[in-house]
């Protein structure tokens, strides 16, 4: 899995959210390593000095879209165990909202692009 692909999928200023999710799901069907790679990227962002909230939010939403709920929860738990209080709180908050946002963006729902 190419790092540039992950960064483009997770770029909040790049593709619209619906399009990024559709592309990520299509890629995950042929590239089983996508979810673990996005999870590693989330960990990398969490380890940075001051992760950018929008970037972390997009990365978590992409991860939520391409991984099963158990893997998503495990990745979020690993990130929050790393000990940075601000990052931990941000990940918990964003992870809680990721599934709700994806539910609103599913095909047929208002806001799906």
Protein backbone atom coordinates (compact mmCIF):
# COMPACT_ATOMS: atom_id res chain seq x y z
CA UNK A 1 0.00 0.00 0.00
CA UNK A 2 1.44 3.32 -1.12
CA UNK A 3 1.75 5.98 1.60
CA UNK A 4 0.65 8.64 -0.89
CA UNK A 5 -2.64 6.79 -1.39
CA UNK A 6 -3.30 6.80 2.36
CA UNK A 7 -2.41 10.46 2.67
CA UNK A 8 -4.72 11.41 -0.23
CA UNK A 9 -7.63 9.39 1.20
CA UNK A 10 -7.13 11.04 4.58
CA UNK A 11 -6.57 14.58 3.32
CA UNK A 12 -9.51 16.71 4.55
CA UNK A 13 -8.78 19.25 1.78
CA UNK A 14 -8.64 16.58 -0.93
CA UNK A 15 -11.50 14.42 -2.14
CA UNK A 16 -15.00 15.05 -0.77
CA UNK A 17 -15.76 12.68 2.12
CA UNK A 18 -18.24 10.50 0.24
CA UNK A 19 -15.87 10.06 -2.67
CA UNK A 20 -12.93 9.25 -0.38
CA UNK A 21 -15.01 6.61 1.43
CA UNK A 22 -16.20 5.02 -1.82
CA UNK A 23 -12.63 4.92 -3.12
CA UNK A 24 -11.28 3.53 0.16
CA UNK A 25 -13.90 0.77 0.16
CA UNK A 26 -13.11 -0.10 -3.46
CA UNK A 27 -9.39 -0.25 -2.69
CA UNK A 28 -9.98 -2.36 0.44
CA UNK A 29 -11.70 -5.02 -1.68
CA UNK A 30 -8.48 -5.60 -3.64
CA UNK A 31 -5.94 -4.50 -1.03
CA UNK A 32 -6.58 -6.24 2.30
CA UNK A 33 -3.80 -4.25 3.93
CA UNK A 34 -5.63 -0.92 3.63
CA UNK A 35 -7.28 -0.96 7.07
CA UNK A 36 -4.08 -1.87 8.98
CA UNK A 37 -2.14 0.73 6.99
CA UNK A 38 -4.69 3.47 7.74
CA UNK A 39 -4.61 2.33 11.38
CA UNK A 40 -0.84 2.75 11.40
CA UNK A 41 -1.28 6.22 9.91
CA UNK A 42 -3.72 7.10 12.70
CA UNK A 43 -1.07 5.94 15.19
CA UNK A 44 1.54 8.05 13.44
CA UNK A 45 -0.73 11.10 13.62
CA UNK A 46 -1.41 10.46 17.31
CA UNK A 47 2.33 10.30 18.00
CA UNK A 48 3.00 13.64 16.34
CA UNK A 49 3.55 16.65 18.59
CA UNK A 50 0.21 18.28 17.81
CA UNK A 51 -1.99 16.29 15.43
CA UNK A 52 -4.26 18.39 13.26
CA UNK A 53 -7.87 17.70 14.25
CA UNK A 54 -9.31 17.68 10.71
CA UNK A 55 -6.66 15.28 9.46
CA UNK A 56 -7.14 12.94 12.42
CA UNK A 57 -10.92 13.07 11.96
CA UNK A 58 -10.69 12.16 8.26
CA UNK A 59 -8.21 9.35 8.98
CA UNK A 60 -10.50 7.89 11.64
CA UNK A 61 -13.51 8.12 9.32
CA UNK A 62 -11.63 6.33 6.53
CA UNK A 63 -10.45 3.71 9.01
CA UNK A 64 -13.98 3.23 10.31
CA UNK A 65 -15.26 2.80 6.74
CA UNK A 66 -12.76 0.12 5.73
CA UNK A 67 -12.27 -1.86 8.95
CA UNK A 68 -14.57 -4.00 11.01
CA UNK A 69 -15.88 -2.49 14.27
CA UNK A 70 -13.63 -4.65 16.44
CA UNK A 71 -10.46 -3.62 14.58
CA UNK A 72 -11.52 0.03 14.61
CA UNK A 73 -12.07 -0.10 18.37
CA UNK A 74 -8.74 -1.87 18.91
CA UNK A 75 -6.85 0.76 16.90
CA UNK A 76 -8.52 3.57 18.84
CA UNK A 77 -7.71 1.82 22.13
CA UNK A 78 -4.03 1.42 21.14
CA UNK A 79 -3.82 5.09 20.20
CA UNK A 80 -5.43 6.28 23.43
CA UNK A 81 -3.07 4.09 25.51
CA UNK A 82 -0.03 5.98 24.26
CA UNK A 83 -0.36 8.53 27.02
CA UNK A 84 -0.77 11.93 25.34
CA UNK A 85 -3.81 13.38 27.14
CA UNK A 86 -4.85 15.83 24.41
CA UNK A 87 -4.48 13.25 21.64
CA UNK A 88 -6.26 10.60 23.72
CA UNK A 89 -9.22 12.87 24.31
CA UNK A 90 -9.34 13.91 20.65
CA UNK A 91 -9.25 10.29 19.42
CA UNK A 92 -12.01 9.22 21.83
CA UNK A 93 -14.17 12.16 20.77
CA UNK A 94 -13.55 11.72 17.04
CA UNK A 95 -13.95 7.94 17.15
CA UNK A 96 -17.33 8.32 18.81
CA UNK A 97 -18.51 10.58 16.02
CA UNK A 98 -16.93 8.69 13.11
CA UNK A 99 -19.59 5.99 12.87
CA UNK A 100 -22.44 8.51 13.20
CA UNK A 101 -20.95 10.62 10.40
CA UNK A 102 -20.49 7.60 8.15
CA UNK A 103 -24.07 6.52 8.82
CA UNK A 104 -25.23 9.94 7.58
CA UNK A 105 -23.05 9.58 4.48
CA UNK A 106 -24.22 6.10 3.46
CA UNK A 107 -25.85 5.77 0.02
CA UNK A 108 -29.37 7.13 0.01
CA UNK A 109 -28.82 9.37 3.03
CA UNK A 110 -28.84 13.13 2.78
CA UNK A 111 -25.35 14.48 2.30
CA UNK A 112 -23.98 11.45 0.41
CA UNK A 113 -21.84 12.68 -2.47
